[in-house]
Protein backbone atom coordinates (compact mmCIF):
# COMPACT_ATOMS: atom_id res chain seq x y z
CA GLN A 1 0.13 -0.16 -0.09
CA VAL A 2 1.35 3.53 -0.94
CA GLN A 3 0.45 6.47 0.71
CA LEU A 4 0.18 10.23 -0.72
CA VAL A 5 0.32 13.00 1.57
CA GLU A 6 -0.33 16.78 0.17
CA SER A 7 1.29 19.63 2.30
CA GLY A 8 1.32 23.56 1.42
CA GLY A 9 -1.83 24.66 1.10
CA GLY A 10 -3.55 27.61 2.63
CA LEU A 11 -4.81 31.05 2.12
CA VAL A 12 -3.28 33.89 -0.03
CA GLN A 13 -3.70 37.11 -1.56
CA ALA A 14 -4.86 37.39 -5.60
CA GLY A 15 -0.93 37.78 -6.90
CA GLY A 16 0.68 35.63 -4.14
CA SER A 17 2.36 32.02 -4.67
CA LEU A 18 2.26 28.94 -2.76
CA ARG A 19 4.39 25.98 -3.04
CA LEU A 20 1.99 22.39 -2.73
CA SER A 21 4.17 19.15 -1.80
CA CYS A 22 3.05 15.43 -2.00
CA ALA A 23 4.67 12.95 -0.58
CA ALA A 24 4.52 9.00 -1.17
CA SER A 25 5.29 6.73 1.36
CA GLY A 26 5.51 2.41 1.31
CA SER A 27 7.62 0.37 0.13
CA GLY A 28 8.39 -1.57 -2.68
CA PHE A 29 6.76 0.53 -5.42
CA ILE A 30 7.96 2.71 -8.70
CA ILE A 31 6.01 6.08 -9.27
CA THR A 32 5.65 6.54 -12.89
CA SER A 33 3.24 9.50 -13.39
CA MET A 34 2.19 11.99 -10.89
CA LEU A 35 -0.17 14.38 -11.32
CA TRP A 36 -2.19 17.42 -9.50
CA TYR A 37 -5.64 17.75 -10.08
CA ARG A 38 -8.02 20.48 -8.43
CA GLN A 39 -11.83 20.50 -7.27
CA ALA A 40 -13.65 23.89 -6.95
CA PRO A 41 -17.03 23.66 -5.23
CA GLY A 42 -19.80 22.52 -7.22
CA LYS A 43 -17.29 21.46 -9.99
CA GLN A 44 -15.42 18.05 -11.26
CA ARG A 45 -12.28 17.40 -10.28
CA ASN A 46 -9.84 18.72 -13.44
CA LEU A 47 -6.39 17.89 -14.28
CA VAL A 48 -3.79 20.95 -13.42
CA ALA A 49 -0.30 19.42 -14.22
CA GLN A 50 1.22 16.12 -14.70
CA ILE A 51 4.94 15.12 -15.00
CA SER A 52 6.21 11.99 -15.78
CA ARG A 53 9.40 9.74 -14.03
CA GLY A 54 11.68 11.52 -16.79
CA GLY A 55 10.55 15.01 -16.25
CA SER A 56 8.10 15.53 -19.20
CA THR A 57 5.13 17.88 -18.09
CA ASN A 58 1.70 18.81 -19.33
CA TYR A 59 -0.32 21.50 -18.06
CA ALA A 60 -3.97 22.91 -18.47
CA ASP A 61 -4.20 25.89 -20.41
CA SER A 62 -5.64 28.05 -17.16
CA VAL A 63 -2.25 27.39 -15.35
CA LYS A 64 0.45 27.58 -18.35
CA GLY A 65 3.12 30.06 -17.21
CA ARG A 66 1.85 30.42 -13.79
CA PHE A 67 2.34 26.56 -12.17
CA THR A 68 5.14 24.75 -12.40
CA ILE A 69 5.16 21.14 -11.78
CA SER A 70 8.32 19.03 -10.44
CA ARG A 71 9.39 15.95 -8.50
CA ASP A 72 12.16 14.27 -6.92
CA ASN A 73 12.35 10.67 -7.39
CA ALA A 74 14.90 9.80 -4.79
CA LYS A 75 11.97 11.63 -2.03
CA ASN A 76 9.12 10.25 -4.16
CA THR A 77 7.73 13.79 -3.92
CA MET A 78 6.14 16.09 -6.34
CA TYR A 79 5.79 19.49 -5.86
CA LEU A 80 3.32 22.44 -7.46
CA GLN A 81 4.81 25.98 -7.82
CA MET A 82 1.84 28.10 -8.18
CA ASN A 83 2.45 31.67 -9.00
CA SER A 84 0.21 34.80 -9.94
CA LEU A 85 -2.83 33.03 -8.06
CA ASN A 86 -6.52 34.63 -8.83
CA PRO A 87 -9.48 33.49 -7.09
CA ASP A 88 -10.25 31.02 -10.07
CA ASP A 89 -7.40 29.14 -8.48
CA THR A 90 -9.62 28.79 -5.44
CA ALA A 91 -10.14 24.81 -5.17
CA VAL A 92 -9.07 21.41 -3.22
CA TYR A 93 -5.78 20.24 -4.61
CA TYR A 94 -5.26 16.53 -4.70
CA CYS A 95 -1.87 14.81 -5.72
CA SER A 96 -2.30 11.76 -7.74
CA ALA A 97 0.40 8.94 -8.41
CA ASP A 98 0.60 5.89 -11.13
CA VAL A 99 2.47 3.14 -8.95
CA LEU A 100 4.40 0.03 -10.46
CA GLN A 101 4.11 -2.29 -7.51
CA SER A 102 4.02 -6.23 -7.66
CA GLY A 103 3.77 -5.80 -11.78
CA THR A 104 0.58 -3.74 -11.46
CA VAL A 105 0.09 -0.25 -11.85
CA THR A 106 -2.45 1.46 -9.71
CA ARG A 107 -3.31 5.05 -9.34
CA TYR A 108 -3.20 6.45 -5.69
CA TRP A 109 -5.19 9.72 -4.42
CA GLY A 110 -3.96 12.26 -1.67
CA GLN A 111 -6.78 13.31 0.74
CA GLY A 112 -6.44 16.86 -0.84
CA THR A 113 -5.35 20.26 0.47
CA GLN A 114 -7.29 23.40 0.26
CA VAL A 115 -5.96 26.30 -1.56
CA THR A 116 -8.02 29.84 -1.15
CA VAL A 117 -7.14 32.95 -2.67
CA SER A 118 -8.97 36.15 -1.74
CA SER A 119 -9.62 39.03 -4.23
């Protein structure tokens, strides 16, 4: 079993920055893709950014140029640097990881961290 724990959420004013972290724990696993999703109240969960094990990245159009996803494979940790935040970025942010363990790939989810951007 693998656990993902997010941290770094909080309240910030528009134009500010936050850095989210997602740490994976467990044993005997390799993480392939890591992803950040977000879900605003009353809306569906949407992909924000993803990063492959080799470092290839992909971003939602709404965050391109403002958010940067990165990872440290040695620490099984992923980050999301969020700059120029605006109220539309307010949501619960979830990390997700595709984990290879015992020959099977399973997607795991964190519990979510709240990001609130005030105007």
